[in-house]
Structure formats: structure tokens, C-alpha cells
């Protein structure tokens, strides 16, 4: 059995993984899904990785999974834990020396969102979280997710250049949602090919796939073992 180390995205906490965690635990796996530091303007990407590594402890047979902004932290953790696998879910894929603040401009994310929005009547990039993020999440779960929002990441983390010199030597997979209204699927397909050399696996889901399609996502994670 494996230990799944699940890393949340911006504004989230470990709770965002609770439905996937239940699926993985039902298959006999251990799950570590910590809350990364929030409300600290000086916290860094390195500090986020420190928090996850401390939560993982000395566990072995580790699979690291990062969602959305967690794509900046997950490779740092996978490298330090000598993980068996690294899985990015609807995630940002950083380049060496690239800060989160620079990522959108460097990757053309904003242009991709605007182009998709023009085609879907403004759904992609919509400022209403029920439309732009949680459109396929049960309403009660969406309400709870928003009630749990946290001040993460920090301004310091957003400015910090990604500290690795290269992608870690860990087998990496990428999962995207075909209905993602935050990071358009065609944008993520192109980015995964350019920066990781991988073809993503796809689920019919929005950006918050861990809440909307937990069984399907857990099944994909299991298939990578």
C-alpha cells in the first residue's frame, strides 16, 4: 500500500481532498493532506514544502499529488521525499526560476482564458465562484469550501522564483478537467506537453475535481500504481 501526500491549491486547505482521501483509504492506503501555512505574508514556497515534508514524516512508498497552485509545491516535496510518483491535477507547472507572479504571463494563461471565454459565453474566467470554479460541485460542498477559504499563498511565495534547477527525477502524470473554467483544457494540454513531455489524462470535470469527481480521480491515482 502507498502513502498519498495530497497538496491543496490556493485558498484551500487539506479539507479540499477529503472525498478523495476517503476513496484512497477505503483501498487501504494512508493519506496525508496537511493545511499549508496561511495568513503569513512571509511564507515561501520552500516553507510550504517544509510543512508538507514534516507532515509526511518518514513514510515510504509515497505518491505526491498537487492541485492547482499546489503544482508549485508538489515537485519540491516529491524531490525531497524521493517519491515513487508525482501527479499534478489541474495544476500550474512551474519552470526553474519562474515565480508564481510571472507564471500566467510566461505561459499565456490569461490569453487562453480570454479565448475560451469568448467561445463559451463568458463561463471560463467568470468571477462568480459558483460559475468559474464550483459549477459541477454539489452546492452544499461548494458553500462549505468557500466558508473554509484561507489566505494562501502569501505575497512572498508569489514572488519567489521556483527553486529547483530542473524537474525532479520522479515519474510524473498530469490530470485535467475537460470542463475546467480556471485553466482551460487546451491550455493545460499544451503546457503539459511543452514543460513535462506528457499527455494528460482527462476527466469530465471542472477545476475542483477532488470535490466533484472524487471516485474517478482516486481511480486514476490508483491506476498509476
C-alpha atoms as a PDB file:
ATOM      1  CA  UNK A   1       0.000   0.000   0.000  1.00  0.00           C
ATOM      2  CA  UNK A   2       1.061   3.590  -0.626  1.00  0.00           C
ATOM      3  CA  UNK A   3       1.023   6.858   1.262  1.00  0.00           C
ATOM      4  CA  UNK A   4      -0.671   9.601  -0.729  1.00  0.00           C
ATOM      5  CA  UNK A   5       0.559  13.080   0.121  1.00  0.00           C
ATOM      6  CA  UNK A   6      -2.114  15.476  -1.144  1.00  0.00           C
ATOM      7  CA  UNK A   7      -1.276  19.167  -1.577  1.00  0.00           C
ATOM      8  CA  UNK A   8      -4.067  21.707  -1.893  1.00  0.00           C
ATOM      9  CA  UNK A   9      -4.273  24.781  -4.084  1.00  0.00           C
ATOM     10  CA  UNK A  10      -4.672  28.490  -3.469  1.00  0.00           C
ATOM     11  CA  UNK A  11      -7.233  29.498  -0.878  1.00  0.00           C
ATOM     12  CA  UNK A  12      -7.774  25.881   0.123  1.00  0.00           C
ATOM     13  CA  UNK A  13      -6.765  23.554   2.936  1.00  0.00           C
ATOM     14  CA  UNK A  14      -6.368  19.837   3.343  1.00  0.00           C
ATOM     15  CA  UNK A  15     -10.166  19.537   3.634  1.00  0.00           C
ATOM     16  CA  UNK A  16     -10.438  20.010  -0.134  1.00  0.00           C
ATOM     17  CA  UNK A  17      -9.086  16.459  -0.537  1.00  0.00           C
ATOM     18  CA  UNK A  18     -11.397  14.774   1.983  1.00  0.00           C
ATOM     19  CA  UNK A  19     -13.569  12.981  -0.577  1.00  0.00           C
ATOM     20  CA  UNK A  20     -10.561  11.610  -2.470  1.00  0.00           C
ATOM     21  CA  UNK A  21      -8.873  10.693   0.828  1.00  0.00           C
ATOM     22  CA  UNK A  22     -11.891   8.600   1.808  1.00  0.00           C
ATOM     23  CA  UNK A  23     -11.713   6.730  -1.508  1.00  0.00           C
ATOM     24  CA  UNK A  24      -7.997   6.031  -1.153  1.00  0.00           C
ATOM     25  CA  UNK A  25      -8.293   4.977   2.481  1.00  0.00           C
ATOM     26  CA  UNK A  26     -11.059   2.556   1.504  1.00  0.00           C
ATOM     27  CA  UNK A  27      -8.451   0.849  -0.684  1.00  0.00           C
ATOM     28  CA  UNK A  28      -6.093   0.521   2.279  1.00  0.00           C
ATOM     29  CA  UNK A  29      -3.815   3.472   1.599  1.00  0.00           C
ATOM     30  CA  UNK A  30      -2.626   6.093   4.049  1.00  0.00           C
ATOM     31  CA  UNK A  31      -3.355   9.733   3.241  1.00  0.00           C
ATOM     32  CA  UNK A  32      -1.560  12.874   4.412  1.00  0.00           C
ATOM     33  CA  UNK A  33      -3.333  16.103   3.437  1.00  0.00           C
ATOM     34  CA  UNK A  34      -1.944  18.968   5.535  1.00  0.00           C
ATOM     35  CA  UNK A  35      -3.055  22.573   5.697  1.00  0.00           C
ATOM     36  CA  UNK A  36      -0.234  24.647   4.266  1.00  0.00           C
ATOM     37  CA  UNK A  37       0.694  27.849   6.141  1.00  0.00           C
ATOM     38  CA  UNK A  38      -1.849  30.626   5.643  1.00  0.00           C
ATOM     39  CA  UNK A  39      -2.172  34.190   6.865  1.00  0.00           C
ATOM     40  CA  UNK A  40       1.613  34.685   6.956  1.00  0.00           C
ATOM     41  CA  UNK A  41       2.785  37.224   4.385  1.00  0.00           C
ATOM     42  CA  UNK A  42       6.381  35.992   4.673  1.00  0.00           C
ATOM     43  CA  UNK A  43       5.704  32.287   3.981  1.00  0.00           C
ATOM     44  CA  UNK A  44       7.600  30.949   0.974  1.00  0.00           C
ATOM     45  CA  UNK A  45       7.310  28.066  -1.465  1.00  0.00           C
ATOM     46  CA  UNK A  46      10.195  26.464   0.396  1.00  0.00           C
ATOM     47  CA  UNK A  47       8.283  26.891   3.660  1.00  0.00           C
ATOM     48  CA  UNK A  48       5.219  25.229   2.134  1.00  0.00           C
ATOM     49  CA  UNK A  49       7.354  22.285   1.091  1.00  0.00           C
ATOM     50  CA  UNK A  50       8.856  22.139   4.598  1.00  0.00           C
ATOM     51  CA  UNK A  51       5.348  21.882   6.076  1.00  0.00           C
ATOM     52  CA  UNK A  52       4.352  19.028   3.783  1.00  0.00           C
ATOM     53  CA  UNK A  53       7.593  17.119   4.326  1.00  0.00           C
ATOM     54  CA  UNK A  54       7.171  17.462   8.097  1.00  0.00           C
ATOM     55  CA  UNK A  55       3.612  16.127   7.847  1.00  0.00           C
ATOM     56  CA  UNK A  56       4.755  13.169   5.737  1.00  0.00           C
ATOM     57  CA  UNK A  57       7.434  12.250   8.254  1.00  0.00           C
ATOM     58  CA  UNK A  58       9.387   9.099   7.484  1.00  0.00           C
ATOM     59  CA  UNK A  59       6.695   7.411   5.406  1.00  0.00           C
ATOM     60  CA  UNK A  60       7.798   5.445   2.353  1.00  0.00           C
ATOM     61  CA  UNK A  61       6.109   4.357  -0.887  1.00  0.00           C
ATOM     62  CA  UNK A  62       4.955   7.946  -1.291  1.00  0.00           C
ATOM     63  CA  UNK A  63       2.812   9.365  -4.076  1.00  0.00           C
ATOM     64  CA  UNK A  64       2.710  13.170  -4.136  1.00  0.00           C
ATOM     65  CA  UNK A  65      -0.352  14.840  -5.657  1.00  0.00           C
ATOM     66  CA  UNK A  66      -0.701  18.591  -6.176  1.00  0.00           C
ATOM     67  CA  UNK A  67      -3.796  20.543  -7.225  1.00  0.00           C
ATOM     68  CA  UNK A  68      -3.800  23.942  -8.959  1.00  0.00           C
ATOM     69  CA  UNK A  69      -1.317  26.243  -7.143  1.00  0.00           C
ATOM     70  CA  UNK A  70      -0.073  23.075  -5.429  1.00  0.00           C
ATOM     71  CA  UNK A  71       1.820  22.452  -8.660  1.00  0.00           C
ATOM     72  CA  UNK A  72       4.465  24.865  -7.395  1.00  0.00           C
ATOM     73  CA  UNK A  73       4.891  22.946  -4.120  1.00  0.00           C
ATOM     74  CA  UNK A  74       4.357  19.312  -5.130  1.00  0.00           C
ATOM     75  CA  UNK A  75       7.588  18.881  -7.170  1.00  0.00           C
ATOM     76  CA  UNK A  76       9.646  20.315  -4.300  1.00  0.00           C
ATOM     77  CA  UNK A  77       8.069  17.763  -1.964  1.00  0.00           C
ATOM     78  CA  UNK A  78       8.424  14.871  -4.402  1.00  0.00           C
ATOM     79  CA  UNK A  79      12.104  15.662  -4.826  1.00  0.00           C
ATOM     80  CA  UNK A  80      12.777  15.776  -1.089  1.00  0.00           C
ATOM     81  CA  UNK A  81      10.750  12.640  -0.276  1.00  0.00           C
ATOM     82  CA  UNK A  82      12.179  10.651  -3.213  1.00  0.00           C
ATOM     83  CA  UNK A  83       8.569   9.937  -4.146  1.00  0.00           C
ATOM     84  CA  UNK A  84       7.561   6.982  -6.275  1.00  0.00           C
ATOM     85  CA  UNK A  85       5.254   9.170  -8.361  1.00  0.00           C
ATOM     86  CA  UNK A  86       4.172  12.764  -8.780  1.00  0.00           C
ATOM     87  CA  UNK A  87       0.686  13.616 -10.036  1.00  0.00           C
ATOM     88  CA  UNK A  88      -0.465  17.118 -10.924  1.00  0.00           C
ATOM     89  CA  UNK A  89      -4.216  17.756 -11.012  1.00  0.00           C
ATOM     90  CA  UNK A  90      -5.417  20.818 -12.962  1.00  0.00           C
ATOM     91  CA  UNK A  91      -2.162  22.312 -11.765  1.00  0.00           C
ATOM     92  CA  UNK A  92       0.287  25.067 -12.538  1.00  0.00           C
ATOM     93  CA  UNK A  93       3.522  23.662 -13.972  1.00  0.00           C
ATOM     94  CA  UNK A  94       6.464  25.869 -12.966  1.00  0.00           C
ATOM     95  CA  UNK A  95       9.732  26.316 -14.805  1.00  0.00           C
ATOM     96  CA  UNK A  96      13.061  26.741 -12.979  1.00  0.00           C
ATOM     97  CA  UNK A  97      13.421  30.284 -11.681  1.00  0.00           C
ATOM     98  CA  UNK A  98       9.827  31.213 -12.512  1.00  0.00           C
ATOM     99  CA  UNK A  99       7.749  32.883  -9.814  1.00  0.00           C
ATOM    100  CA  UNK A 100       4.003  32.307  -9.490  1.00  0.00           C
ATOM    101  CA  UNK A 101       3.522  36.004 -10.233  1.00  0.00           C
ATOM    102  CA  UNK A 102       5.256  35.532 -13.594  1.00  0.00           C
ATOM    103  CA  UNK A 103       3.687  32.180 -14.466  1.00  0.00           C
ATOM    104  CA  UNK A 104       0.485  33.499 -16.053  1.00  0.00           C
ATOM    105  CA  UNK A 105       2.312  35.903 -18.339  1.00  0.00           C
ATOM    106  CA  UNK A 106       5.024  33.399 -19.255  1.00  0.00           C
ATOM    107  CA  UNK A 107       2.575  30.619 -20.105  1.00  0.00           C
ATOM    108  CA  UNK A 108      -0.102  32.701 -21.820  1.00  0.00           C
ATOM    109  CA  UNK A 109      -2.750  31.584 -19.344  1.00  0.00           C
ATOM    110  CA  UNK A 110      -4.628  34.887 -19.433  1.00  0.00           C
ATOM    111  CA  UNK A 111      -4.888  34.830 -23.216  1.00  0.00           C
ATOM    112  CA  UNK A 112      -6.116  31.227 -23.103  1.00  0.00           C
ATOM    113  CA  UNK A 113      -8.810  32.133 -20.560  1.00  0.00           C
ATOM    114  CA  UNK A 114      -9.997  35.067 -22.653  1.00  0.00           C
ATOM    115  CA  UNK A 115     -10.106  32.974 -25.828  1.00  0.00           C
ATOM    116  CA  UNK A 116     -12.088  30.214 -24.136  1.00  0.00           C
ATOM    117  CA  UNK A 117     -14.416  32.758 -22.538  1.00  0.00           C
ATOM    118  CA  UNK A 118     -15.185  34.230 -25.945  1.00  0.00           C
ATOM    119  CA  UNK A 119     -16.245  30.777 -27.143  1.00  0.00           C
ATOM    120  CA  UNK A 120     -18.315  29.685 -24.118  1.00  0.00           C
ATOM    121  CA  UNK A 121     -20.230  32.893 -23.459  1.00  0.00           C
ATOM    122  CA  UNK A 122     -18.090  34.093 -20.559  1.00  0.00           C
ATOM    123  CA  UNK A 123     -18.223  30.983 -18.373  1.00  0.00           C
ATOM    124  CA  UNK A 124     -14.451  30.497 -18.347  1.00  0.00           C
ATOM    125  CA  UNK A 125     -12.832  33.021 -16.040  1.00  0.00           C
ATOM    126  CA  UNK A 126     -16.190  34.043 -14.561  1.00  0.00           C
ATOM    127  CA  UNK A 127     -15.795  35.946 -11.291  1.00  0.00           C
ATOM    128  CA  UNK A 128     -18.739  34.182  -9.616  1.00  0.00           C
ATOM    129  CA  UNK A 129     -17.111  31.181  -7.873  1.00  0.00           C
ATOM    130  CA  UNK A 130     -20.243  29.085  -8.385  1.00  0.00           C
ATOM    131  CA  UNK A 131     -19.735  29.571 -12.124  1.00  0.00           C
ATOM    132  CA  UNK A 132     -15.981  29.804 -12.524  1.00  0.00           C
ATOM    133  CA  UNK A 133     -14.843  27.168 -10.002  1.00  0.00           C
ATOM    134  CA  UNK A 134     -17.630  25.138  -8.397  1.00  0.00           C
ATOM    135  CA  UNK A 135     -20.091  24.744 -11.276  1.00  0.00           C
ATOM    136  CA  UNK A 136     -20.026  20.932 -11.067  1.00  0.00           C
ATOM    137  CA  UNK A 137     -19.584  20.655  -7.282  1.00  0.00           C
ATOM    138  CA  UNK A 138     -22.668  19.911  -5.138  1.00  0.00           C
ATOM    139  CA  UNK A 139     -23.909  23.248  -3.795  1.00  0.00           C
ATOM    140  CA  UNK A 140     -23.530  22.320  -0.127  1.00  0.00           C
ATOM    141  CA  UNK A 141     -19.907  21.297  -0.721  1.00  0.00           C
ATOM    142  CA  UNK A 142     -19.242  24.477  -2.671  1.00  0.00           C
ATOM    143  CA  UNK A 143     -20.677  26.531   0.172  1.00  0.00           C
ATOM    144  CA  UNK A 144     -18.503  24.733   2.694  1.00  0.00           C
ATOM    145  CA  UNK A 145     -15.412  25.100   0.517  1.00  0.00           C
ATOM    146  CA  UNK A 146     -15.910  28.860   0.365  1.00  0.00           C
ATOM    147  CA  UNK A 147     -16.521  29.045   4.109  1.00  0.00           C
ATOM    148  CA  UNK A 148     -13.118  27.395   4.590  1.00  0.00           C
ATOM    149  CA  UNK A 149     -11.132  29.739   2.352  1.00  0.00           C
ATOM    150  CA  UNK A 150      -7.698  30.643   3.732  1.00  0.00           C
ATOM    151  CA  UNK A 151      -5.109  33.334   2.960  1.00  0.00           C
ATOM    152  CA  UNK A 152      -2.782  31.114   0.946  1.00  0.00           C
ATOM    153  CA  UNK A 153      -0.433  31.634  -0.844  1.00  0.00           C
ATOM    154  CA  UNK A 154       1.411  34.601   0.600  1.00  0.00           C
ATOM    155  CA  UNK A 155       2.772  37.627  -1.278  1.00  0.00           C
ATOM    156  CA  UNK A 156       6.296  36.352  -0.581  1.00  0.00           C
ATOM    157  CA  UNK A 157       5.525  32.962  -2.109  1.00  0.00           C
ATOM    158  CA  UNK A 158       4.022  34.593  -5.189  1.00  0.00           C
ATOM    159  CA  UNK A 159       7.259  36.480  -5.784  1.00  0.00           C
ATOM    160  CA  UNK A 160       9.680  33.641  -5.038  1.00  0.00           C
ATOM    161  CA  UNK A 161      11.439  32.091  -8.060  1.00  0.00           C
ATOM    162  CA  UNK A 162      10.754  28.373  -8.226  1.00  0.00           C
ATOM    163  CA  UNK A 163      13.894  26.974  -6.556  1.00  0.00           C
ATOM    164  CA  UNK A 164      14.624  23.745  -8.458  1.00  0.00           C
ATOM    165  CA  UNK A 165      17.114  23.753 -11.334  1.00  0.00           C
ATOM    166  CA  UNK A 166      15.106  21.126 -13.222  1.00  0.00           C
ATOM    167  CA  UNK A 167      12.003  18.990 -12.859  1.00  0.00           C
ATOM    168  CA  UNK A 168      12.630  16.272 -10.252  1.00  0.00           C
ATOM    169  CA  UNK A 169      13.568  12.806 -11.455  1.00  0.00           C
ATOM    170  CA  UNK A 170      10.201  11.371 -10.430  1.00  0.00           C
ATOM    171  CA  UNK A 171       7.693   9.745 -12.818  1.00  0.00           C
ATOM    172  CA  UNK A 172       5.080  12.431 -13.400  1.00  0.00           C
ATOM    173  CA  UNK A 173       1.474  12.280 -14.583  1.00  0.00           C
ATOM    174  CA  UNK A 174      -0.996  15.073 -15.251  1.00  0.00           C
ATOM    175  CA  UNK A 175      -4.781  15.090 -14.846  1.00  0.00           C
ATOM    176  CA  UNK A 176      -7.012  17.797 -16.281  1.00  0.00           C
ATOM    177  CA  UNK A 177     -10.727  18.519 -16.304  1.00  0.00           C
ATOM    178  CA  UNK A 178     -12.353  18.858 -19.716  1.00  0.00           C
ATOM    179  CA  UNK A 179     -14.746  21.434 -18.205  1.00  0.00           C
ATOM    180  CA  UNK A 180     -12.137  23.445 -16.267  1.00  0.00           C
ATOM    181  CA  UNK A 181     -13.121  27.140 -16.286  1.00  0.00           C
ATOM    182  CA  UNK A 182      -9.988  28.291 -14.452  1.00  0.00           C
ATOM    183  CA  UNK A 183      -7.231  26.707 -16.563  1.00  0.00           C
ATOM    184  CA  UNK A 184      -8.723  25.845 -19.976  1.00  0.00           C
ATOM    185  CA  UNK A 185      -8.122  22.218 -21.012  1.00  0.00           C
ATOM    186  CA  UNK A 186      -6.473  23.093 -24.326  1.00  0.00           C
ATOM    187  CA  UNK A 187      -4.068  25.370 -22.445  1.00  0.00           C
ATOM    188  CA  UNK A 188      -3.137  22.624 -19.954  1.00  0.00           C
ATOM    189  CA  UNK A 189      -2.677  20.035 -22.728  1.00  0.00           C
ATOM    190  CA  UNK A 190      -0.192  22.324 -24.448  1.00  0.00           C
ATOM    191  CA  UNK A 191       1.604  23.260 -21.219  1.00  0.00           C
ATOM    192  CA  UNK A 192       1.931  19.634 -20.093  1.00  0.00           C
ATOM    193  CA  UNK A 193       3.407  18.704 -23.468  1.00  0.00           C
ATOM    194  CA  UNK A 194       5.853  21.612 -23.508  1.00  0.00           C
ATOM    195  CA  UNK A 195       7.029  21.514 -19.889  1.00  0.00           C
ATOM    196  CA  UNK A 196       6.660  17.842 -18.937  1.00  0.00           C
ATOM    197  CA  UNK A 197       6.543  15.987 -22.236  1.00  0.00           C
ATOM    198  CA  UNK A 198       3.392  14.150 -21.130  1.00  0.00           C
ATOM    199  CA  UNK A 199      -0.124  13.707 -22.486  1.00  0.00           C
ATOM    200  CA  UNK A 200      -2.634  14.429 -19.704  1.00  0.00           C
ATOM    201  CA  UNK A 201      -5.307  12.041 -18.562  1.00  0.00           C
ATOM    202  CA  UNK A 202      -8.719  13.690 -18.692  1.00  0.00           C
ATOM    203  CA  UNK A 203     -11.869  13.627 -16.593  1.00  0.00           C
ATOM    204  CA  UNK A 204     -15.197  15.247 -17.386  1.00  0.00           C
ATOM    205  CA  UNK A 205     -14.936  17.724 -14.547  1.00  0.00           C
ATOM    206  CA  UNK A 206     -14.281  21.332 -13.663  1.00  0.00           C
ATOM    207  CA  UNK A 207     -11.322  22.778 -11.791  1.00  0.00           C
ATOM    208  CA  UNK A 208     -12.279  21.400  -8.368  1.00  0.00           C
ATOM    209  CA  UNK A 209     -12.232  17.781  -9.452  1.00  0.00           C
ATOM    210  CA  UNK A 210     -11.342  16.448  -5.983  1.00  0.00           C
ATOM    211  CA  UNK A 211     -14.741  17.666  -4.776  1.00  0.00           C
ATOM    212  CA  UNK A 212     -16.811  16.975  -7.883  1.00  0.00           C
ATOM    213  CA  UNK A 213     -15.390  13.628  -9.101  1.00  0.00           C
ATOM    214  CA  UNK A 214     -13.561  12.039  -6.146  1.00  0.00           C
ATOM    215  CA  UNK A 215     -14.117   8.395  -7.104  1.00  0.00           C
ATOM    216  CA  UNK A 216     -12.983   8.963 -10.677  1.00  0.00           C
ATOM    217  CA  UNK A 217      -9.896  10.887  -9.563  1.00  0.00           C
ATOM    218  CA  UNK A 218      -8.991   8.275  -6.946  1.00  0.00           C
ATOM    219  CA  UNK A 219      -9.416   5.594  -9.600  1.00  0.00           C
ATOM    220  CA  UNK A 220      -6.926   7.371 -11.846  1.00  0.00           C
ATOM    221  CA  UNK A 221      -4.450   7.724  -8.991  1.00  0.00           C
ATOM    222  CA  UNK A 222      -4.810   4.004  -8.304  1.00  0.00           C
ATOM    223  CA  UNK A 223      -4.253   3.176 -11.971  1.00  0.00           C
ATOM    224  CA  UNK A 224      -0.809   4.813 -11.823  1.00  0.00           C
ATOM    225  CA  UNK A 225       0.448   2.372  -9.175  1.00  0.00           C
END
